[in-house]
Amino acid sequence: MGVTHVVLFQFKASASPEAINDVSQRMLGLKDSCIHPTSKRTYIKSASGGTNNSPEGVNNGFTHAFVMEFETAEDRDYYVNEDPLHDEFKKIAGKVLEKAQVIDFTDGEFKL
């Protein structure tokens, strides 16, 4: 069963709109640029994201959300722990992020 990877960003107050857009586009671009070393193919099934527009007011400072889907936990683990493009992205994003939050889940699994 696939894994959904949810990432929330809060940008630094000093981050320019251009920097925010650049990091956001880079995040979405990982879907087409991350290549698995074994299969030699892209391995992120889907990527979407945008700016918070919830009227509920409970975003706790997070302004941007991204959702990525992986076919397997192994693909997600490679992305998180080993993919050099993801590592490079984290360094770039870290320059303009105040904080990030990540949660992963498998649809329909609710065990602890």
PDB file of N, CA and C in Angstrom:
ATOM      1  N   MET A   1       0.843  -1.180   0.000  1.00  0.00           N
ATOM      2  CA  MET A   1       0.000   0.000   0.000  1.00  0.00           C
ATOM      3  C   MET A   1       0.889   1.245   0.000  1.00  0.00           C
ATOM      4  N   GLY A   2       0.490   2.296  -0.675  1.00  0.00           N
ATOM      5  CA  GLY A   2       1.280   3.505  -0.812  1.00  0.00           C
ATOM      6  C   GLY A   2       1.385   4.319   0.469  1.00  0.00           C
ATOM      7  N   VAL A   3       2.312   5.268   0.449  1.00  0.00           N
ATOM      8  CA  VAL A   3       2.544   6.153   1.578  1.00  0.00           C
ATOM      9  C   VAL A   3       2.324   7.590   1.118  1.00  0.00           C
ATOM     10  N   THR A   4       1.546   8.328   1.895  1.00  0.00           N
ATOM     11  CA  THR A   4       1.328   9.748   1.647  1.00  0.00           C
ATOM     12  C   THR A   4       2.217  10.536   2.597  1.00  0.00           C
ATOM     13  N   HIS A   5       2.945  11.497   2.047  1.00  0.00           N
ATOM     14  CA  HIS A   5       3.954  12.309   2.752  1.00  0.00           C
ATOM     15  C   HIS A   5       3.444  13.748   2.739  1.00  0.00           C
ATOM     16  N   VAL A   6       3.072  14.265   3.908  1.00  0.00           N
ATOM     17  CA  VAL A   6       2.523  15.614   4.035  1.00  0.00           C
ATOM     18  C   VAL A   6       3.574  16.506   4.689  1.00  0.00           C
ATOM     19  N   VAL A   7       3.868  17.631   4.041  1.00  0.00           N
ATOM     20  CA  VAL A   7       4.900  18.555   4.522  1.00  0.00           C
ATOM     21  C   VAL A   7       4.285  19.948   4.663  1.00  0.00           C
ATOM     22  N   LEU A   8       4.489  20.570   5.813  1.00  0.00           N
ATOM     23  CA  LEU A   8       4.014  21.929   6.062  1.00  0.00           C
ATOM     24  C   LEU A   8       5.204  22.847   6.263  1.00  0.00           C
ATOM     25  N   PHE A   9       5.146  24.040   5.683  1.00  0.00           N
ATOM     26  CA  PHE A   9       6.227  25.014   5.807  1.00  0.00           C
ATOM     27  C   PHE A   9       5.725  26.301   6.449  1.00  0.00           C
ATOM     28  N   GLN A  10       6.549  26.845   7.324  1.00  0.00           N
ATOM     29  CA  GLN A  10       6.408  28.220   7.791  1.00  0.00           C
ATOM     30  C   GLN A  10       7.686  28.924   7.375  1.00  0.00           C
ATOM     31  N   PHE A  11       7.562  29.927   6.547  1.00  0.00           N
ATOM     32  CA  PHE A  11       8.724  30.653   6.065  1.00  0.00           C
ATOM     33  C   PHE A  11       9.126  31.736   7.058  1.00  0.00           C
ATOM     34  N   LYS A  12      10.398  32.063   7.065  1.00  0.00           N
ATOM     35  CA  LYS A  12      10.896  33.161   7.882  1.00  0.00           C
ATOM     36  C   LYS A  12      10.232  34.454   7.435  1.00  0.00           C
ATOM     37  N   ALA A  13      10.036  35.381   8.373  1.00  0.00           N
ATOM     38  CA  ALA A  13       9.434  36.677   8.038  1.00  0.00           C
ATOM     39  C   ALA A  13      10.271  37.411   7.000  1.00  0.00           C
ATOM     40  N   SER A  14      11.565  37.138   6.978  1.00  0.00           N
ATOM     41  CA  SER A  14      12.466  37.819   6.041  1.00  0.00           C
ATOM     42  C   SER A  14      12.466  37.195   4.648  1.00  0.00           C
ATOM     43  N   ALA A  15      11.795  36.076   4.458  1.00  0.00           N
ATOM     44  CA  ALA A  15      11.787  35.401   3.156  1.00  0.00           C
ATOM     45  C   ALA A  15      11.014  36.236   2.135  1.00  0.00           C
ATOM     46  N   SER A  16      11.622  36.480   1.008  1.00  0.00           N
ATOM     47  CA  SER A  16      10.973  37.266  -0.042  1.00  0.00           C
ATOM     48  C   SER A  16       9.935  36.412  -0.762  1.00  0.00           C
ATOM     49  N   PRO A  17       8.967  37.045  -1.405  1.00  0.00           N
ATOM     50  CA  PRO A  17       8.006  36.277  -2.201  1.00  0.00           C
ATOM     51  C   PRO A  17       8.694  35.440  -3.273  1.00  0.00           C
ATOM     52  N   GLU A  18       9.772  35.942  -3.842  1.00  0.00           N
ATOM     53  CA  GLU A  18      10.519  35.194  -4.855  1.00  0.00           C
ATOM     54  C   GLU A  18      11.149  33.943  -4.266  1.00  0.00           C
ATOM     55  N   ALA A  19      11.715  34.062  -3.069  1.00  0.00           N
ATOM     56  CA  ALA A  19      12.331  32.907  -2.411  1.00  0.00           C
ATOM     57  C   ALA A  19      11.275  31.866  -2.041  1.00  0.00           C
ATOM     58  N   ILE A  20      10.129  32.327  -1.575  1.00  0.00           N
ATOM     59  CA  ILE A  20       9.039  31.418  -1.220  1.00  0.00           C
ATOM     60  C   ILE A  20       8.566  30.665  -2.462  1.00  0.00           C
ATOM     61  N   ASN A  21       8.382  31.381  -3.556  1.00  0.00           N
ATOM     62  CA  ASN A  21       7.963  30.739  -4.798  1.00  0.00           C
ATOM     63  C   ASN A  21       9.022  29.763  -5.291  1.00  0.00           C
ATOM     64  N   ASP A  22      10.291  30.149  -5.203  1.00  0.00           N
ATOM     65  CA  ASP A  22      11.376  29.276  -5.651  1.00  0.00           C
ATOM     66  C   ASP A  22      11.388  27.966  -4.869  1.00  0.00           C
ATOM     67  N   VAL A  23      11.315  28.051  -3.556  1.00  0.00           N
ATOM     68  CA  VAL A  23      11.331  26.838  -2.731  1.00  0.00           C
ATOM     69  C   VAL A  23      10.096  25.992  -3.016  1.00  0.00           C
ATOM     70  N   SER A  24       8.948  26.629  -3.173  1.00  0.00           N
ATOM     71  CA  SER A  24       7.723  25.886  -3.450  1.00  0.00           C
ATOM     72  C   SER A  24       7.808  25.156  -4.790  1.00  0.00           C
ATOM     73  N   GLN A  25       8.316  25.835  -5.806  1.00  0.00           N
ATOM     74  CA  GLN A  25       8.448  25.193  -7.119  1.00  0.00           C
ATOM     75  C   GLN A  25       9.493  24.073  -7.089  1.00  0.00           C
ATOM     76  N   ARG A  26      10.577  24.288  -6.344  1.00  0.00           N
ATOM     77  CA  ARG A  26      11.591  23.234  -6.204  1.00  0.00           C
ATOM     78  C   ARG A  26      10.999  21.999  -5.516  1.00  0.00           C
ATOM     79  N   MET A  27      10.172  22.239  -4.494  1.00  0.00           N
ATOM     80  CA  MET A  27       9.545  21.127  -3.777  1.00  0.00           C
ATOM     81  C   MET A  27       8.696  20.301  -4.747  1.00  0.00           C
ATOM     82  N   LEU A  28       7.865  20.962  -5.517  1.00  0.00           N
ATOM     83  CA  LEU A  28       7.022  20.241  -6.472  1.00  0.00           C
ATOM     84  C   LEU A  28       7.849  19.592  -7.577  1.00  0.00           C
ATOM     85  N   GLY A  29       8.965  20.224  -7.947  1.00  0.00           N
ATOM     86  CA  GLY A  29       9.819  19.703  -9.008  1.00  0.00           C
ATOM     87  C   GLY A  29      10.546  18.421  -8.653  1.00  0.00           C
ATOM     88  N   LEU A  30      10.614  18.103  -7.361  1.00  0.00           N
ATOM     89  CA  LEU A  30      11.286  16.872  -6.947  1.00  0.00           C
ATOM     90  C   LEU A  30      10.613  15.640  -7.566  1.00  0.00           C
ATOM     91  N   LYS A  31       9.315  15.715  -7.816  1.00  0.00           N
ATOM     92  CA  LYS A  31       8.601  14.579  -8.408  1.00  0.00           C
ATOM     93  C   LYS A  31       9.224  14.158  -9.736  1.00  0.00           C
ATOM     94  N   ASP A  32       9.619  15.121 -10.531  1.00  0.00           N
ATOM     95  CA  ASP A  32      10.147  14.810 -11.858  1.00  0.00           C
ATOM     96  C   ASP A  32      11.668  14.707 -11.915  1.00  0.00           C
ATOM     97  N   SER A  33      12.338  15.077 -10.822  1.00  0.00           N
ATOM     98  CA  SER A  33      13.806  15.044 -10.863  1.00  0.00           C
ATOM     99  C   SER A  33      14.435  13.968  -9.986  1.00  0.00           C
ATOM    100  N   CYS A  34      13.721  13.467  -9.004  1.00  0.00           N
ATOM    101  CA  CYS A  34      14.277  12.425  -8.135  1.00  0.00           C
ATOM    102  C   CYS A  34      14.226  11.076  -8.858  1.00  0.00           C
ATOM    103  N   ILE A  35      15.384  10.470  -9.023  1.00  0.00           N
ATOM    104  CA  ILE A  35      15.519   9.196  -9.727  1.00  0.00           C
ATOM    105  C   ILE A  35      16.000   8.136  -8.735  1.00  0.00           C
ATOM    106  N   HIS A  36      15.313   7.002  -8.711  1.00  0.00           N
ATOM    107  CA  HIS A  36      15.730   5.922  -7.812  1.00  0.00           C
ATOM    108  C   HIS A  36      16.945   5.222  -8.412  1.00  0.00           C
ATOM    109  N   PRO A  37      17.987   4.953  -7.609  1.00  0.00           N
ATOM    110  CA  PRO A  37      19.211   4.367  -8.156  1.00  0.00           C
ATOM    111  C   PRO A  37      19.044   2.942  -8.678  1.00  0.00           C
ATOM    112  N   THR A  38      18.068   2.219  -8.171  1.00  0.00           N
ATOM    113  CA  THR A  38      17.870   0.842  -8.614  1.00  0.00           C
ATOM    114  C   THR A  38      17.082   0.777  -9.925  1.00  0.00           C
ATOM    115  N   SER A  39      15.944   1.458  -9.953  1.00  0.00           N
ATOM    116  CA  SER A  39      15.086   1.403 -11.147  1.00  0.00           C
ATOM    117  C   SER A  39      15.506   2.402 -12.221  1.00  0.00           C
ATOM    118  N   LYS A  40      16.276   3.404 -11.843  1.00  0.00           N
ATOM    119  CA  LYS A  40      16.695   4.477 -12.763  1.00  0.00           C
ATOM    120  C   LYS A  40      15.492   5.255 -13.311  1.00  0.00           C
ATOM    121  N   ARG A  41      14.411   5.287 -12.528  1.00  0.00           N
ATOM    122  CA  ARG A  41      13.204   6.005 -12.928  1.00  0.00           C
ATOM    123  C   ARG A  41      12.742   6.904 -11.785  1.00  0.00           C
ATOM    124  N   THR A  42      11.883   7.872 -12.144  1.00  0.00           N
ATOM    125  CA  THR A  42      11.281   8.682 -11.090  1.00  0.00           C
ATOM    126  C   THR A  42      10.434   7.774 -10.211  1.00  0.00           C
ATOM    127  N   TYR A  43      10.328   8.105  -8.950  1.00  0.00           N
ATOM    128  CA  TYR A  43       9.637   7.211  -8.025  1.00  0.00           C
ATOM    129  C   TYR A  43       8.625   7.914  -7.129  1.00  0.00           C
ATOM    130  N   ILE A  44       8.475   9.214  -7.265  1.00  0.00           N
ATOM    131  CA  ILE A  44       7.431   9.927  -6.531  1.00  0.00           C
ATOM    132  C   ILE A  44       6.186   9.883  -7.410  1.00  0.00           C
ATOM    133  N   LYS A  45       5.126   9.239  -6.925  1.00  0.00           N
ATOM    134  CA  LYS A  45       3.913   9.042  -7.731  1.00  0.00           C
ATOM    135  C   LYS A  45       3.216  10.350  -8.056  1.00  0.00           C
ATOM    136  N   SER A  46       3.096  11.224  -7.065  1.00  0.00           N
ATOM    137  CA  SER A  46       2.424  12.500  -7.288  1.00  0.00           C
ATOM    138  C   SER A  46       2.929  13.525  -6.293  1.00  0.00           C
ATOM    139  N   ALA A  47       2.779  14.795  -6.669  1.00  0.00           N
ATOM    140  CA  ALA A  47       3.165  15.899  -5.792  1.00  0.00           C
ATOM    141  C   ALA A  47       2.208  17.054  -6.049  1.00  0.00           C
ATOM    142  N   SER A  48       1.698  17.631  -4.983  1.00  0.00           N
ATOM    143  CA  SER A  48       0.833  18.793  -5.089  1.00  0.00           C
ATOM    144  C   SER A  48       1.107  19.699  -3.907  1.00  0.00           C
ATOM    145  N   GLY A  49       0.714  20.940  -4.031  1.00  0.00           N
ATOM    146  CA  GLY A  49       0.938  21.851  -2.925  1.00  0.00           C
ATOM    147  C   GLY A  49       0.349  23.209  -3.202  1.00  0.00           C
ATOM    148  N   GLY A  50       0.328  24.043  -2.154  1.00  0.00           N
ATOM    149  CA  GLY A  50      -0.183  25.392  -2.295  1.00  0.00           C
ATOM    150  C   GLY A  50      -0.148  26.139  -0.981  1.00  0.00           C
ATOM    151  N   THR A  51      -0.653  27.357  -1.039  1.00  0.00           N
ATOM    152  CA  THR A  51      -0.700  28.237   0.124  1.00  0.00           C
ATOM    153  C   THR A  51      -1.977  27.972   0.915  1.00  0.00           C
ATOM    154  N   ASN A  52      -1.860  27.995   2.229  1.00  0.00           N
ATOM    155  CA  ASN A  52      -3.007  27.775   3.094  1.00  0.00           C
ATOM    156  C   ASN A  52      -4.111  28.790   2.770  1.00  0.00           C
ATOM    157  N   ASN A  53      -5.322  28.294   2.623  1.00  0.00           N
ATOM    158  CA  ASN A  53      -6.459  29.183   2.438  1.00  0.00           C
ATOM    159  C   ASN A  53      -7.633  28.781   3.330  1.00  0.00           C
ATOM    160  N   SER A  54      -7.326  28.067   4.418  1.00  0.00           N
ATOM    161  CA  SER A  54      -8.366  27.616   5.333  1.00  0.00           C
ATOM    162  C   SER A  54      -8.903  28.790   6.151  1.00  0.00           C
ATOM    163  N   PRO A  55     -10.223  28.898   6.272  1.00  0.00           N
ATOM    164  CA  PRO A  55     -10.805  29.955   7.102  1.00  0.00           C
ATOM    165  C   PRO A  55     -10.832  29.595   8.591  1.00  0.00           C
ATOM    166  N   GLU A  56     -10.367  28.385   8.939  1.00  0.00           N
ATOM    167  CA  GLU A  56     -10.472  27.932  10.334  1.00  0.00           C
ATOM    168  C   GLU A  56      -9.495  28.617  11.281  1.00  0.00           C
ATOM    169  N   GLY A  57      -8.372  29.110  10.761  1.00  0.00           N
ATOM    170  CA  GLY A  57      -7.427  29.827  11.609  1.00  0.00           C
ATOM    171  C   GLY A  57      -6.646  28.950  12.572  1.00  0.00           C
ATOM    172  N   VAL A  58      -6.419  27.697  12.225  1.00  0.00           N
ATOM    173  CA  VAL A  58      -5.674  26.808  13.113  1.00  0.00           C
ATOM    174  C   VAL A  58      -4.434  26.241  12.412  1.00  0.00           C
ATOM    175  N   ASN A  59      -3.813  27.045  11.553  1.00  0.00           N
ATOM    176  CA  ASN A  59      -2.634  26.579  10.821  1.00  0.00           C
ATOM    177  C   ASN A  59      -1.351  26.710  11.629  1.00  0.00           C
ATOM    178  N   ASN A  60      -1.429  27.313  12.819  1.00  0.00           N
ATOM    179  CA  ASN A  60      -0.279  27.415  13.727  1.00  0.00           C
ATOM    180  C   ASN A  60       0.964  27.985  13.054  1.00  0.00           C
ATOM    181  N   GLY A  61       0.778  28.953  12.168  1.00  0.00           N
ATOM    182  CA  GLY A  61       1.905  29.617  11.520  1.00  0.00           C
ATOM    183  C   GLY A  61       2.359  28.972  10.225  1.00  0.00           C
ATOM    184  N   PHE A  62       1.898  27.777   9.939  1.00  0.00           N
ATOM    185  CA  PHE A  62       2.273  27.118   8.683  1.00  0.00           C
ATOM    186  C   PHE A  62       1.460  27.739   7.546  1.00  0.00           C
ATOM    187  N   THR A  63       2.140  28.100   6.485  1.00  0.00           N
ATOM    188  CA  THR A  63       1.489  28.828   5.395  1.00  0.00           C
ATOM    189  C   THR A  63       1.416  28.038   4.097  1.00  0.00           C
ATOM    190  N   HIS A  64       2.240  27.014   3.950  1.00  0.00           N
ATOM    191  CA  HIS A  64       2.301  26.249   2.704  1.00  0.00           C
ATOM    192  C   HIS A  64       2.257  24.752   3.019  1.00  0.00           C
ATOM    193  N   ALA A  65       1.515  24.020   2.190  1.00  0.00           N
ATOM    194  CA  ALA A  65       1.380  22.578   2.392  1.00  0.00           C
ATOM    195  C   ALA A  65       1.692  21.844   1.095  1.00  0.00           C
ATOM    196  N   PHE A  66       2.309  20.687   1.240  1.00  0.00           N
ATOM    197  CA  PHE A  66       2.675  19.846   0.099  1.00  0.00           C
ATOM    198  C   PHE A  66       2.299  18.407   0.429  1.00  0.00           C
ATOM    199  N   VAL A  67       1.807  17.697  -0.579  1.00  0.00           N
ATOM    200  CA  VAL A  67       1.438  16.300  -0.415  1.00  0.00           C
ATOM    201  C   VAL A  67       2.132  15.515  -1.524  1.00  0.00           C
ATOM    202  N   MET A  68       2.906  14.517  -1.108  1.00  0.00           N
ATOM    203  CA  MET A  68       3.598  13.660  -2.066  1.00  0.00           C
ATOM    204  C   MET A  68       3.172  12.227  -1.793  1.00  0.00           C
ATOM    205  N   GLU A  69       3.050  11.464  -2.849  1.00  0.00           N
ATOM    206  CA  GLU A  69       2.674  10.061  -2.707  1.00  0.00           C
ATOM    207  C   GLU A  69       3.779   9.168  -3.245  1.00  0.00           C
ATOM    208  N   PHE A  70       4.031   8.104  -2.491  1.00  0.00           N
ATOM    209  CA  PHE A  70       5.030   7.101  -2.858  1.00  0.00           C
ATOM    210  C   PHE A  70       4.337   5.755  -2.977  1.00  0.00           C
ATOM    211  N   GLU A  71       4.792   4.948  -3.908  1.00  0.00           N
ATOM    212  CA  GLU A  71       4.220   3.611  -4.123  1.00  0.00           C
ATOM    213  C   GLU A  71       4.466   2.710  -2.913  1.00  0.00           C
ATOM    214  N   THR A  72       5.651   2.833  -2.302  1.00  0.00           N
ATOM    215  CA  THR A  72       6.024   1.953  -1.187  1.00  0.00           C
ATOM    216  C   THR A  72       6.708   2.743  -0.075  1.00  0.00           C
ATOM    217  N   ALA A  73       6.728   2.157   1.104  1.00  0.00           N
ATOM    218  CA  ALA A  73       7.461   2.752   2.222  1.00  0.00           C
ATOM    219  C   ALA A  73       8.951   2.796   1.914  1.00  0.00           C
ATOM    220  N   GLU A  74       9.427   1.828   1.160  1.00  0.00           N
ATOM    221  CA  GLU A  74      10.842   1.798   0.795  1.00  0.00           C
ATOM    222  C   GLU A  74      11.208   2.999  -0.088  1.00  0.00           C
ATOM    223  N   ASP A  75      10.328   3.352  -1.021  1.00  0.00           N
ATOM    224  CA  ASP A  75      10.570   4.538  -1.845  1.00  0.00           C
ATOM    225  C   ASP A  75      10.587   5.798  -0.983  1.00  0.00           C
ATOM    226  N   ARG A  76       9.623   5.907  -0.074  1.00  0.00           N
ATOM    227  CA  ARG A  76       9.590   7.053   0.837  1.00  0.00           C
ATOM    228  C   ARG A  76      10.853   7.112   1.682  1.00  0.00           C
ATOM    229  N   ASP A  77      11.290   5.964   2.179  1.00  0.00           N
ATOM    230  CA  ASP A  77      12.486   5.921   3.016  1.00  0.00           C
ATOM    231  C   ASP A  77      13.723   6.346   2.236  1.00  0.00           C
ATOM    232  N   TYR A  78      13.821   5.932   0.981  1.00  0.00           N
ATOM    233  CA  TYR A  78      14.953   6.363   0.155  1.00  0.00           C
ATOM    234  C   TYR A  78      14.913   7.877  -0.014  1.00  0.00           C
ATOM    235  N   TYR A  79      13.753   8.411  -0.313  1.00  0.00           N
ATOM    236  CA  TYR A  79      13.582   9.857  -0.482  1.00  0.00           C
ATOM    237  C   TYR A  79      14.018  10.610   0.775  1.00  0.00           C
ATOM    238  N   VAL A  80      13.530  10.186   1.908  1.00  0.00           N
ATOM    239  CA  VAL A  80      13.795  10.874   3.170  1.00  0.00           C
ATOM    240  C   VAL A  80      15.250  10.731   3.615  1.00  0.00           C
ATOM    241  N   ASN A  81      15.828   9.549   3.450  1.00  0.00           N
ATOM    242  CA  ASN A  81      17.133   9.261   4.048  1.00  0.00           C
ATOM    243  C   ASN A  81      18.329   9.289   3.106  1.00  0.00           C
ATOM    244  N   GLU A  82      18.093   9.143   1.796  1.00  0.00           N
ATOM    245  CA  GLU A  82      19.243   8.952   0.917  1.00  0.00           C
ATOM    246  C   GLU A  82      19.266   9.794  -0.348  1.00  0.00           C
ATOM    247  N   ASP A  83      18.120  10.232  -0.841  1.00  0.00           N
ATOM    248  CA  ASP A  83      18.097  10.896  -2.143  1.00  0.00           C
ATOM    249  C   ASP A  83      18.913  12.192  -2.108  1.00  0.00           C
ATOM    250  N   PRO A  84      19.969  12.295  -2.934  1.00  0.00           N
ATOM    251  CA  PRO A  84      20.817  13.481  -2.905  1.00  0.00           C
ATOM    252  C   PRO A  84      20.091  14.756  -3.345  1.00  0.00           C
ATOM    253  N   LEU A  85      19.113  14.648  -4.233  1.00  0.00           N
ATOM    254  CA  LEU A  85      18.369  15.842  -4.643  1.00  0.00           C
ATOM    255  C   LEU A  85      17.483  16.346  -3.508  1.00  0.00           C
ATOM    256  N   HIS A  86      16.901  15.432  -2.756  1.00  0.00           N
ATOM    257  CA  HIS A  86      16.108  15.835  -1.595  1.00  0.00           C
ATOM    258  C   HIS A  86      17.001  16.480  -0.541  1.00  0.00           C
ATOM    259  N   ASP A  87      18.187  15.911  -0.335  1.00  0.00           N
ATOM    260  CA  ASP A  87      19.134  16.504   0.618  1.00  0.00           C
ATOM    261  C   ASP A  87      19.528  17.917   0.197  1.00  0.00           C
ATOM    262  N   GLU A  88      19.782  18.110  -1.083  1.00  0.00           N
ATOM    263  CA  GLU A  88      20.126  19.439  -1.608  1.00  0.00           C
ATOM    264  C   GLU A  88      18.958  20.404  -1.415  1.00  0.00           C
ATOM    265  N   PHE A  89      17.747  19.934  -1.679  1.00  0.00           N
ATOM    266  CA  PHE A  89      16.563  20.766  -1.489  1.00  0.00           C
ATOM    267  C   PHE A  89      16.440  21.207  -0.034  1.00  0.00           C
ATOM    268  N   LYS A  90      16.651  20.298   0.909  1.00  0.00           N
ATOM    269  CA  LYS A  90      16.531  20.641   2.333  1.00  0.00           C
ATOM    270  C   LYS A  90      17.511  21.742   2.719  1.00  0.00           C
ATOM    271  N   LYS A  91      18.701  21.719   2.168  1.00  0.00           N
ATOM    272  CA  LYS A  91      19.690  22.767   2.455  1.00  0.00           C
ATOM    273  C   LYS A  91      19.226  24.114   1.920  1.00  0.00           C
ATOM    274  N   ILE A  92      18.701  24.126   0.709  1.00  0.00           N
ATOM    275  CA  ILE A  92      18.213  25.370   0.104  1.00  0.00           C
ATOM    276  C   ILE A  92      17.007  25.899   0.882  1.00  0.00           C
ATOM    277  N   ALA A  93      16.046  25.030   1.142  1.00  0.00           N
ATOM    278  CA  ALA A  93      14.834  25.435   1.851  1.00  0.00           C
ATOM    279  C   ALA A  93      15.142  25.889   3.268  1.00  0.00           C
ATOM    280  N   GLY A  94      16.094  25.244   3.909  1.00  0.00           N
ATOM    281  CA  GLY A  94      16.446  25.582   5.281  1.00  0.00           C
ATOM    282  C   GLY A  94      16.888  27.025   5.461  1.00  0.00           C
ATOM    283  N   LYS A  95      17.346  27.643   4.398  1.00  0.00           N
ATOM    284  CA  LYS A  95      17.787  29.038   4.471  1.00  0.00           C
ATOM    285  C   LYS A  95      16.625  30.013   4.644  1.00  0.00           C
ATOM    286  N   VAL A  96      15.430  29.611   4.217  1.00  0.00           N
ATOM    287  CA  VAL A  96      14.282  30.525   4.284  1.00  0.00           C
ATOM    288  C   VAL A  96      13.129  29.998   5.139  1.00  0.00           C
ATOM    289  N   LEU A  97      13.275  28.793   5.691  1.00  0.00           N
ATOM    290  CA  LEU A  97      12.211  28.230   6.521  1.00  0.00           C
ATOM    291  C   LEU A  97      12.413  28.545   7.989  1.00  0.00           C
ATOM    292  N   GLU A  98      11.332  28.936   8.628  1.00  0.00           N
ATOM    293  CA  GLU A  98      11.306  29.079  10.078  1.00  0.00           C
ATOM    294  C   GLU A  98      11.160  27.704  10.710  1.00  0.00           C
ATOM    295  N   LYS A  99      10.212  26.938  10.153  1.00  0.00           N
ATOM    296  CA  LYS A  99      10.032  25.564  10.620  1.00  0.00           C
ATOM    297  C   LYS A  99       9.271  24.772   9.578  1.00  0.00           C
ATOM    298  N   ALA A 100       9.392  23.463   9.702  1.00  0.00           N
ATOM    299  CA  ALA A 100       8.674  22.527   8.832  1.00  0.00           C
ATOM    300  C   ALA A 100       8.095  21.434   9.707  1.00  0.00           C
ATOM    301  N   GLN A 101       7.029  20.842   9.229  1.00  0.00           N
ATOM    302  CA  GLN A 101       6.429  19.712   9.916  1.00  0.00           C
ATOM    303  C   GLN A 101       6.095  18.661   8.866  1.00  0.00           C
ATOM    304  N   VAL A 102       6.342  17.406   9.209  1.00  0.00           N
ATOM    305  CA  VAL A 102       6.104  16.310   8.271  1.00  0.00           C
ATOM    306  C   VAL A 102       5.321  15.214   8.983  1.00  0.00           C
ATOM    307  N   ILE A 103       4.364  14.671   8.271  1.00  0.00           N
ATOM    308  CA  ILE A 103       3.650  13.492   8.757  1.00  0.00           C
ATOM    309  C   ILE A 103       3.393  12.594   7.552  1.00  0.00           C
ATOM    310  N   ASP A 104       3.606  11.314   7.727  1.00  0.00           N
ATOM    311  CA  ASP A 104       3.367  10.328   6.684  1.00  0.00           C
ATOM    312  C   ASP A 104       2.285   9.365   7.162  1.00  0.00           C
ATOM    313  N   PHE A 105       1.510   8.864   6.215  1.00  0.00           N
ATOM    314  CA  PHE A 105       0.520   7.861   6.591  1.00  0.00           C
ATOM    315  C   PHE A 105       0.242   6.935   5.421  1.00  0.00           C
ATOM    316  N   THR A 106      -0.276   5.771   5.779  1.00  0.00           N
ATOM    317  CA  THR A 106      -0.797   4.814   4.817  1.00  0.00           C
ATOM    318  C   THR A 106      -2.304   4.865   4.956  1.00  0.00           C
ATOM    319  N   ASP A 107      -2.985   5.114   3.845  1.00  0.00           N
ATOM    320  CA  ASP A 107      -4.427   5.284   3.849  1.00  0.00           C
ATOM    321  C   ASP A 107      -5.130   4.115   4.529  1.00  0.00           C
ATOM    322  N   GLY A 108      -5.975   4.437   5.493  1.00  0.00           N
ATOM    323  CA  GLY A 108      -6.774   3.423   6.180  1.00  0.00           C
ATOM    324  C   GLY A 108      -6.115   2.754   7.361  1.00  0.00           C
ATOM    325  N   GLU A 109      -4.825   3.020   7.623  1.00  0.00           N
ATOM    326  CA  GLU A 109      -4.146   2.428   8.776  1.00  0.00           C
ATOM    327  C   GLU A 109      -4.233   3.376   9.965  1.00  0.00           C
ATOM    328  N   PHE A 110      -4.754   2.877  11.086  1.00  0.00           N
ATOM    329  CA  PHE A 110      -4.929   3.709  12.256  1.00  0.00           C
ATOM    330  C   PHE A 110      -4.341   3.088  13.514  1.00  0.00           C
ATOM    331  N   LYS A 111      -3.409   2.179  13.345  1.00  0.00           N
ATOM    332  CA  LYS A 111      -2.800   1.536  14.515  1.00  0.00           C
ATOM    333  C   LYS A 111      -1.676   2.429  15.050  1.00  0.00           C
ATOM    334  N   LEU A 112      -1.362   2.251  16.313  1.00  0.00           N
ATOM    335  CA  LEU A 112      -0.264   2.999  16.940  1.00  0.00           C
ATOM    336  C   LEU A 112       0.976   2.181  16.979  1.00  0.00           C
TER     337      LEU A 112
END
